[in-house]
Structure formats: structure tokens, C-alpha cells
């Protein structure tokens, strides 16, 4: 056997299958082609993804970037051996983060770290990424799949990403227009989205001794199906309404208390009225089953509100119409008052 063959066999024996990786990556171009935008140069697989910003379309462009992961929601995907939805979660979470400042998503890059490369898992993840990128109008232009034997338990993997978007300088939603008297509108979530899963798993499976395949009548589905509901993409709403938006907060880790103050001016506080929206059944179940206080629930979970929009009261009706047309429920959940930039839930 030649030296090259010996090296390849040794690497495979150590747990890294280069041949399989090359085979799987070879099928990426066809899938990813669905996501490409006119600005994308070349094809996926190079040392860097190329994207030529259209300067005729943008007068004073500001690039906006963000990166995130799916967290321990991956534990549910692994346990159920269903991996396409977490791919969608990853894209939508990142899209929402840059949408909060009014940015259009341009391109997306992913990182998948595995102990052992599984074709089925890999392809499902990519299918989810592609589906969400197409829906968001975002090009998937590159990524990295790392095989790291010994780093992950059997079947486990990690999934993170980076997104880049663009917004005109004079259209940035930075909270500077927020004033006392502004209305706070909440856009409904689909469920936990991608946050609070460590606590949710502890309550449902350790304290309540439930199982993923247990059907719960209050949820109308199994625990597993509930926990894998896809993180909603709010960009279609923000895109159409951004001229009227004074501030936007993506309700992720940190819930209401930590995320809304990120967009509040120094002289403005937010008052949120509990009972002003439909709290999803999963959150009621978690609070009762885990004996969690209302304050902690609103700090850990989104409680059924995935995005908060702050607008002039005169713009509420128009914003709710945009949300309704997008198939998303919206609720008037509070208002801005003069004071310190903190959240008070009454």
C-alpha cells in the first residue's frame, strides 16, 4: 500500500472519514443553489464565500452581522433523530437578530461539529438550512463541517452560524426614536423557539418524569413535537413595517427583562401588562410543573411573544394588519413610560 493510502486509512481509523465528507460535500452545490442571490460570485466550496454588494441598490449601506447557535434544543433533535427543524431554527434565529435593527439578510454561513459524520443527520440539517434560507431570501454561501472524535458523545453535534445583512444608514432601527407614550406590540411565537431548553428539559423529563413521545392533550401533540416547533422568522413583518418601527427586540435568552432594555433610550422604561396576550400552553405547563415564579418565566422564556415592536400608538393598527397578513398573531402588550430603561411587568 502506498504512503497516501496508509495515511487515509489511519485517519479513518482515528474516526475522521475524509472520503465520506468529500462525498457529502459534493452534493451540497445542488441543494445550496436554491438559496443563491444575484450578488453571489462563484460557488460553494472555496476557501471563502464571495458576495458583491449591489451599490446601485444601496445608497449608504451598513452591514449588520450576528452569530448564534441552537443550544440544548439539539438534545431533543438527537433524541428524536429529527434534524431538519433545528437547521431552520438556526437560520430564523439569526435572521431575526439582524431584523431587529432593520437589516435585510444577505448571506449565511454554518458550522457543524460532529464526533462522527452521519450522512443522514448532515443531509437533514442542510435541508433545514436551505429551506429557511430560501424563505428568508438569504444566500447560503459557505460553512464548515468538522469531524472531532472524542469531543462529542455518540450522536451529539453542535450547530452554529454567522449571518450578514444590510440596512441603509438612515433606516437603522436603533431605539433612538422611542418616546414615552409609544405602544409595545408583541408578535406571537410558535413555542420555546431556541431558548430555555435546559430548564424545560429539567422540568418535563426530570421533575415531571415525562417522555418525548408522551402525548399531552393541553398541547395537542407530544412533548417532542412541541419542543421541536420551528423558531418563527419575523423578517417579512419587519421588512414591510420598518419605517414605522421605533424599536424592535427579539425575545431570546434573557426573555423580556434582558432583551427589551437593549433598545430603550436612557430616559424610557417599558411597562408590560401580563394577561394582554395568549400565553402558550407549554409555558403554563412548565411554570406549574416546575414551580417556577412568574418573574423567572419571563426572564428565561418568551412566554408566547417572539418579537416586540415599539411604535407610535397611531401605527399599531397598520402593524397589526401587516402581522395578520403574514399569518402571525399580534397583541398590544404594553407601553413606554418615562423612567429608567428597565422592564416592569404588571
Protein backbone atom coordinates (compact mmCIF):
# COMPACT_ATOMS: atom_id res chain seq x y z
CA UNK A 1 0.00 0.00 0.00
CA UNK A 2 1.37 3.42 -0.87
CA UNK A 3 2.04 6.10 1.71
CA UNK A 4 -1.05 8.10 0.69
CA UNK A 5 -3.33 5.11 1.16
CA UNK A 6 -1.80 4.32 4.54
CA UNK A 7 -2.37 7.88 5.73
CA UNK A 8 -6.01 7.90 4.63
CA UNK A 9 -6.69 4.54 6.30
CA UNK A 10 -5.06 5.73 9.52
CA UNK A 11 -7.11 8.91 9.62
CA UNK A 12 -10.32 6.96 9.00
CA UNK A 13 -9.34 4.54 11.75
CA UNK A 14 -8.94 7.50 14.12
CA UNK A 15 -12.56 8.43 13.47
CA UNK A 16 -12.30 11.05 10.73
CA UNK A 17 -13.73 9.92 7.39
CA UNK A 18 -12.44 12.31 4.74
CA UNK A 19 -13.87 10.24 1.89
CA UNK A 20 -17.39 10.41 3.32
CA UNK A 21 -17.05 14.13 3.98
CA UNK A 22 -15.98 14.76 0.39
CA UNK A 23 -18.92 12.72 -0.90
CA UNK A 24 -21.44 14.61 1.22
CA UNK A 25 -19.98 17.99 0.36
CA UNK A 26 -20.13 17.07 -3.31
CA UNK A 27 -23.92 17.04 -3.10
CA UNK A 28 -24.12 20.46 -1.45
CA UNK A 29 -23.90 22.58 -4.58
CA UNK A 30 -27.20 21.31 -5.95
CA UNK A 31 -29.04 21.92 -2.67
CA UNK A 32 -27.48 25.30 -1.93
CA UNK A 33 -28.16 26.60 -5.45
CA UNK A 34 -31.77 27.20 -4.37
CA UNK A 35 -30.62 29.87 -1.90
CA UNK A 36 -28.32 31.89 -4.16
CA UNK A 37 -28.86 35.56 -4.87
CA UNK A 38 -27.57 37.53 -7.89
CA UNK A 39 -24.83 39.05 -5.71
CA UNK A 40 -23.19 35.68 -5.02
CA UNK A 41 -19.99 35.09 -7.00
CA UNK A 42 -18.59 31.66 -7.69
CA UNK A 43 -19.92 28.54 -6.00
CA UNK A 44 -19.79 26.98 -2.56
CA UNK A 45 -16.67 25.02 -1.68
CA UNK A 46 -13.94 27.63 -1.98
CA UNK A 47 -11.77 28.99 0.81
CA UNK A 48 -14.17 31.90 1.17
CA UNK A 49 -17.69 32.79 0.07
CA UNK A 50 -17.92 35.73 -2.33
CA UNK A 51 -20.72 38.28 -2.22
CA UNK A 52 -20.72 41.52 -4.26
CA UNK A 53 -22.93 44.10 -2.57
CA UNK A 54 -25.07 45.93 -5.12
CA UNK A 55 -24.07 49.55 -4.58
CA UNK A 56 -26.65 50.76 -7.10
CA UNK A 57 -29.38 49.39 -4.86
CA UNK A 58 -27.93 50.80 -1.63
CA UNK A 59 -27.05 54.45 -1.17
CA UNK A 60 -25.49 54.38 2.32
CA UNK A 61 -25.27 50.68 3.20
CA UNK A 62 -24.39 49.46 6.66
CA UNK A 63 -23.51 45.79 7.03
CA UNK A 64 -25.04 44.05 10.03
CA UNK A 65 -23.71 40.73 11.36
CA UNK A 66 -24.69 38.27 14.05
CA UNK A 67 -23.91 34.73 15.11
CA UNK A 68 -25.73 32.22 17.26
CA UNK A 69 -26.45 28.57 17.92
CA UNK A 70 -29.40 26.33 18.71
CA UNK A 71 -28.33 25.43 22.25
CA UNK A 72 -29.63 22.34 24.01
CA UNK A 73 -32.60 22.10 21.67
CA UNK A 74 -30.16 19.89 19.79
CA UNK A 75 -30.61 17.31 22.56
CA UNK A 76 -34.25 16.95 21.52
CA UNK A 77 -33.34 16.65 17.84
CA UNK A 78 -30.79 13.93 18.62
CA UNK A 79 -33.18 12.02 20.88
CA UNK A 80 -35.91 12.06 18.21
CA UNK A 81 -33.44 11.56 15.35
CA UNK A 82 -35.02 14.52 13.52
CA UNK A 83 -32.60 17.21 12.45
CA UNK A 84 -34.18 19.38 9.74
CA UNK A 85 -36.10 21.66 12.10
CA UNK A 86 -33.00 22.75 14.05
CA UNK A 87 -31.47 23.83 10.76
CA UNK A 88 -34.46 26.11 10.23
CA UNK A 89 -34.22 27.32 13.83
CA UNK A 90 -30.63 28.37 13.32
CA UNK A 91 -31.35 30.47 10.23
CA UNK A 92 -34.50 32.07 11.59
CA UNK A 93 -32.92 32.99 14.91
CA UNK A 94 -30.08 34.77 13.12
CA UNK A 95 -32.42 36.44 10.63
CA UNK A 96 -34.50 37.82 13.50
CA UNK A 97 -31.45 39.16 15.31
CA UNK A 98 -30.42 41.39 12.41
CA UNK A 99 -34.04 42.16 11.50
CA UNK A 100 -34.26 43.81 14.92
CA UNK A 101 -32.14 46.67 13.53
CA UNK A 102 -33.97 46.66 10.20
CA UNK A 103 -31.41 44.66 8.22
CA UNK A 104 -32.21 42.56 5.17
CA UNK A 105 -30.46 39.16 5.37
CA UNK A 106 -27.85 38.76 2.63
CA UNK A 107 -25.79 35.66 3.30
CA UNK A 108 -25.36 32.91 5.85
CA UNK A 109 -22.56 30.55 6.89
CA UNK A 110 -22.91 27.49 9.09
CA UNK A 111 -20.68 25.36 11.30
CA UNK A 112 -21.49 21.72 12.11
CA UNK A 113 -19.25 19.93 14.60
CA UNK A 114 -19.70 16.15 14.96
CA UNK A 115 -17.91 13.32 16.68
CA UNK A 116 -18.73 11.00 13.80
CA UNK A 117 -20.07 12.20 10.46
CA UNK A 118 -23.57 10.85 9.79
CA UNK A 119 -24.87 11.29 6.22
CA UNK A 120 -28.50 11.22 7.35
CA UNK A 121 -28.01 13.83 10.08
CA UNK A 122 -25.84 16.02 7.84
CA UNK A 123 -28.33 16.00 4.98
CA UNK A 124 -31.31 16.75 7.23
CA UNK A 125 -29.51 19.71 8.79
CA UNK A 126 -28.56 21.08 5.38
CA UNK A 127 -32.12 20.61 4.12
CA UNK A 128 -33.37 22.68 7.06
CA UNK A 129 -30.80 25.40 6.48
CA UNK A 130 -31.67 25.58 2.79
CA UNK A 131 -35.42 25.68 3.41
CA UNK A 132 -35.14 28.59 5.86
CA UNK A 133 -32.60 30.48 3.75
CA UNK A 134 -34.90 30.28 0.73
CA UNK A 135 -37.82 31.57 2.80
CA UNK A 136 -35.70 34.44 4.15
CA UNK A 137 -34.16 35.33 0.78
CA UNK A 138 -30.74 34.67 2.28
CA UNK A 139 -27.88 33.01 0.38
CA UNK A 140 -26.08 30.07 1.99
CA UNK A 141 -22.56 30.74 0.70
CA UNK A 142 -20.31 28.61 2.87
CA UNK A 143 -19.69 26.72 6.05
CA UNK A 144 -17.60 24.16 7.87
CA UNK A 145 -18.26 20.56 8.82
CA UNK A 146 -15.78 19.38 11.44
CA UNK A 147 -15.27 15.76 12.47
CA UNK A 148 -13.89 15.69 16.01
CA UNK A 149 -13.85 12.22 17.54
CA UNK A 150 -13.73 12.38 21.32
CA UNK A 151 -15.20 15.88 21.51
CA UNK A 152 -18.84 14.80 21.37
CA UNK A 153 -20.78 11.90 22.81
CA UNK A 154 -22.12 9.36 20.31
CA UNK A 155 -24.78 11.01 18.13
CA UNK A 156 -24.23 14.51 19.53
CA UNK A 157 -23.21 17.51 17.43
CA UNK A 158 -23.06 21.28 17.59
CA UNK A 159 -24.63 23.74 15.19
CA UNK A 160 -23.78 27.44 14.98
CA UNK A 161 -23.80 30.11 12.30
CA UNK A 162 -23.00 33.62 11.17
CA UNK A 163 -25.30 35.88 9.17
CA UNK A 164 -24.61 39.16 7.38
CA UNK A 165 -27.28 41.63 6.33
CA UNK A 166 -27.57 45.21 5.15
CA UNK A 167 -29.57 48.28 6.09
CA UNK A 168 -29.49 51.87 4.86
CA UNK A 169 -27.85 54.10 7.45
CA UNK A 170 -30.92 56.31 7.78
CA UNK A 171 -33.20 53.27 8.19
CA UNK A 172 -31.41 51.62 11.12
CA UNK A 173 -33.82 50.74 13.92
CA UNK A 174 -31.74 51.62 16.98
CA UNK A 175 -34.34 52.74 19.53
CA UNK A 176 -33.42 56.43 19.24
CA UNK A 177 -36.97 57.28 18.11
CA UNK A 178 -38.60 55.68 21.14
CA UNK A 179 -40.57 58.13 23.26
CA UNK A 180 -42.76 57.90 26.38
CA UNK A 181 -46.27 57.03 25.25
CA UNK A 182 -45.14 54.66 22.49
CA UNK A 183 -47.06 51.41 22.20
CA UNK A 184 -45.45 47.99 22.64
CA UNK A 185 -46.76 45.33 20.29
CA UNK A 186 -45.91 41.66 20.75
CA UNK A 187 -45.67 39.21 17.84
CA UNK A 188 -46.65 35.65 18.71
CA UNK A 189 -44.05 32.90 18.94
CA UNK A 190 -44.52 29.28 17.90
CA UNK A 191 -43.27 27.98 21.24
CA UNK A 192 -39.94 27.99 23.04
CA UNK A 193 -38.10 28.90 19.83
CA UNK A 194 -34.43 28.25 20.73
CA UNK A 195 -34.14 29.36 24.34
CA UNK A 196 -34.80 27.93 27.78
CA UNK A 197 -34.37 24.30 26.77
CA UNK A 198 -32.10 23.35 29.65
CA UNK A 199 -34.77 24.38 32.15
CA UNK A 200 -37.61 22.97 30.04
CA UNK A 201 -35.89 19.57 29.80
CA UNK A 202 -35.25 19.58 33.55
CA UNK A 203 -38.92 20.26 34.31
CA UNK A 204 -40.55 17.99 31.73
CA UNK A 205 -38.28 14.98 31.96
CA UNK A 206 -36.68 15.09 35.44
CA UNK A 207 -39.31 16.73 37.64
CA UNK A 208 -42.47 15.66 35.76
CA UNK A 209 -40.91 12.38 34.56
CA UNK A 210 -42.37 12.82 31.10
CA UNK A 211 -41.06 11.30 27.87
CA UNK A 212 -40.62 12.80 24.44
CA UNK A 213 -43.29 10.55 22.92
CA UNK A 214 -45.88 11.34 25.63
CA UNK A 215 -48.98 12.97 24.15
CA UNK A 216 -50.33 15.92 26.15
CA UNK A 217 -53.90 16.98 25.50
CA UNK A 218 -53.22 20.56 26.58
CA UNK A 219 -50.52 20.86 23.94
CA UNK A 220 -52.36 18.89 21.28
CA UNK A 221 -49.17 17.00 20.47
CA UNK A 222 -46.33 15.06 22.07
CA UNK A 223 -43.67 16.74 24.19
CA UNK A 224 -41.17 16.04 21.43
CA UNK A 225 -43.31 17.63 18.74
CA UNK A 226 -43.88 20.69 20.92
CA UNK A 227 -40.19 21.14 21.68
CA UNK A 228 -39.16 20.88 18.02
CA UNK A 229 -41.56 23.55 16.76
CA UNK A 230 -39.60 25.84 14.45
CA UNK A 231 -38.40 29.26 15.56
CA UNK A 232 -40.52 31.78 13.66
CA UNK A 233 -39.00 34.17 11.09
CA UNK A 234 -40.29 37.73 11.64
CA UNK A 235 -38.37 39.42 8.82
CA UNK A 236 -41.38 39.54 6.43
CA UNK A 237 -43.22 41.66 9.01
CA UNK A 238 -40.28 43.87 9.93
CA UNK A 239 -39.46 44.44 6.25
CA UNK A 240 -42.90 45.84 5.48
CA UNK A 241 -43.30 47.85 8.67
CA UNK A 242 -39.77 49.06 9.44
CA UNK A 243 -40.38 52.71 8.54
CA UNK A 244 -42.86 52.93 11.40
CA UNK A 245 -40.82 50.95 13.92
CA UNK A 246 -39.13 52.92 16.71
CA UNK A 247 -37.56 49.86 18.32
CA UNK A 248 -37.52 46.08 17.94
CA UNK A 249 -36.44 43.42 20.44
CA UNK A 250 -36.00 39.74 19.62
CA UNK A 251 -37.15 37.87 22.74
CA UNK A 252 -34.49 35.19 23.11
CA UNK A 253 -32.29 34.20 26.06
CA UNK A 254 -32.99 36.65 28.86
CA UNK A 255 -36.67 36.92 27.99
CA UNK A 256 -38.46 40.24 28.46
CA UNK A 257 -36.27 41.60 31.24
CA UNK A 258 -32.96 41.41 29.42
CA UNK A 259 -33.91 41.91 25.76
CA UNK A 260 -36.31 44.87 25.72
CA UNK A 261 -33.91 47.20 27.62
CA UNK A 262 -31.33 46.64 24.85
CA UNK A 263 -33.33 49.01 22.62
CA UNK A 264 -34.60 51.51 25.22
CA UNK A 265 -33.16 55.06 25.47
CA UNK A 266 -31.82 56.14 28.87
CA UNK A 267 -34.99 58.02 29.77
CA UNK A 268 -37.53 55.37 28.81
CA UNK A 269 -38.82 52.26 30.56
CA UNK A 270 -41.20 49.58 29.38
CA UNK A 271 -44.38 48.51 31.15
CA UNK A 272 -45.66 45.09 30.07
CA UNK A 273 -49.20 44.08 31.04
CA UNK A 274 -49.47 40.40 31.92
CA UNK A 275 -52.67 38.85 30.61
CA UNK A 276 -52.65 41.02 27.49
CA UNK A 277 -51.64 38.14 25.21
CA UNK A 278 -52.27 34.43 24.88
CA UNK A 279 -49.59 32.63 26.86
CA UNK A 280 -48.99 29.37 25.04
CA UNK A 281 -49.92 26.15 26.89
CA UNK A 282 -46.31 24.93 27.01
CA UNK A 283 -45.31 27.86 29.22
CA UNK A 284 -48.21 27.32 31.61
CA UNK A 285 -47.24 23.66 31.83
CA UNK A 286 -43.61 24.49 32.56
CA UNK A 287 -44.49 27.06 35.23
CA UNK A 288 -46.88 24.76 37.04
CA UNK A 289 -44.82 21.60 36.60
CA UNK A 290 -41.59 23.23 37.71
CA UNK A 291 -42.95 25.61 40.33
CA UNK A 292 -41.22 28.50 38.53
CA UNK A 293 -42.01 32.06 39.53
CA UNK A 294 -43.62 34.41 37.03
CA UNK A 295 -40.56 36.65 37.09
CA UNK A 296 -38.20 33.80 36.20
CA UNK A 297 -40.55 32.57 33.48
CA UNK A 298 -40.42 35.99 31.82
CA UNK A 299 -36.63 36.09 32.18
CA UNK A 300 -35.95 32.63 30.74
CA UNK A 301 -38.73 32.13 28.17
CA UNK A 302 -40.51 34.21 25.54
CA UNK A 303 -43.91 33.27 27.03
CA UNK A 304 -45.54 33.28 23.59
CA UNK A 305 -44.06 36.58 22.36
CA UNK A 306 -41.12 36.09 20.00
CA UNK A 307 -40.61 39.69 18.90
CA UNK A 308 -41.51 43.04 20.45
CA UNK A 309 -42.13 46.10 18.29
CA UNK A 310 -42.28 49.63 19.69
CA UNK A 311 -44.27 52.14 17.64
CA UNK A 312 -46.28 55.32 17.82
CA UNK A 313 -49.79 54.39 19.02
CA UNK A 314 -51.17 55.65 15.69
CA UNK A 315 -49.19 52.93 13.88
CA UNK A 316 -50.49 49.98 15.90
CA UNK A 317 -53.43 49.12 13.65
CA UNK A 318 -51.28 49.19 10.50
CA UNK A 319 -48.61 46.99 12.10
CA UNK A 320 -51.20 44.50 13.28
CA UNK A 321 -52.60 44.32 9.75
CA UNK A 322 -49.12 43.53 8.38
CA UNK A 323 -48.67 40.80 11.01
CA UNK A 324 -52.09 39.33 10.28
CA UNK A 325 -51.35 39.13 6.56
CA UNK A 326 -48.16 37.25 7.45
CA UNK A 327 -50.21 34.79 9.49
CA UNK A 328 -48.83 35.96 12.83
CA UNK A 329 -50.97 36.95 15.81
CA UNK A 330 -50.10 40.25 17.44
CA UNK A 331 -51.03 41.81 20.78
CA UNK A 332 -50.85 45.26 22.34
CA UNK A 333 -48.90 44.23 25.44
CA UNK A 334 -47.71 47.48 26.98
CA UNK A 335 -46.37 50.97 26.61
CA UNK A 336 -43.25 53.08 27.06
CA UNK A 337 -43.08 55.38 30.07
CA UNK A 338 -40.58 57.95 31.25
CA UNK A 339 -38.02 56.45 33.58
CA UNK A 340 -35.04 54.14 33.76
CA UNK A 341 -34.52 51.69 30.84
CA UNK A 342 -35.93 48.67 32.64
CA UNK A 343 -38.93 46.40 32.16
CA UNK A 344 -41.78 46.28 34.64
CA UNK A 345 -44.37 43.54 34.28
CA UNK A 346 -47.66 44.37 35.98
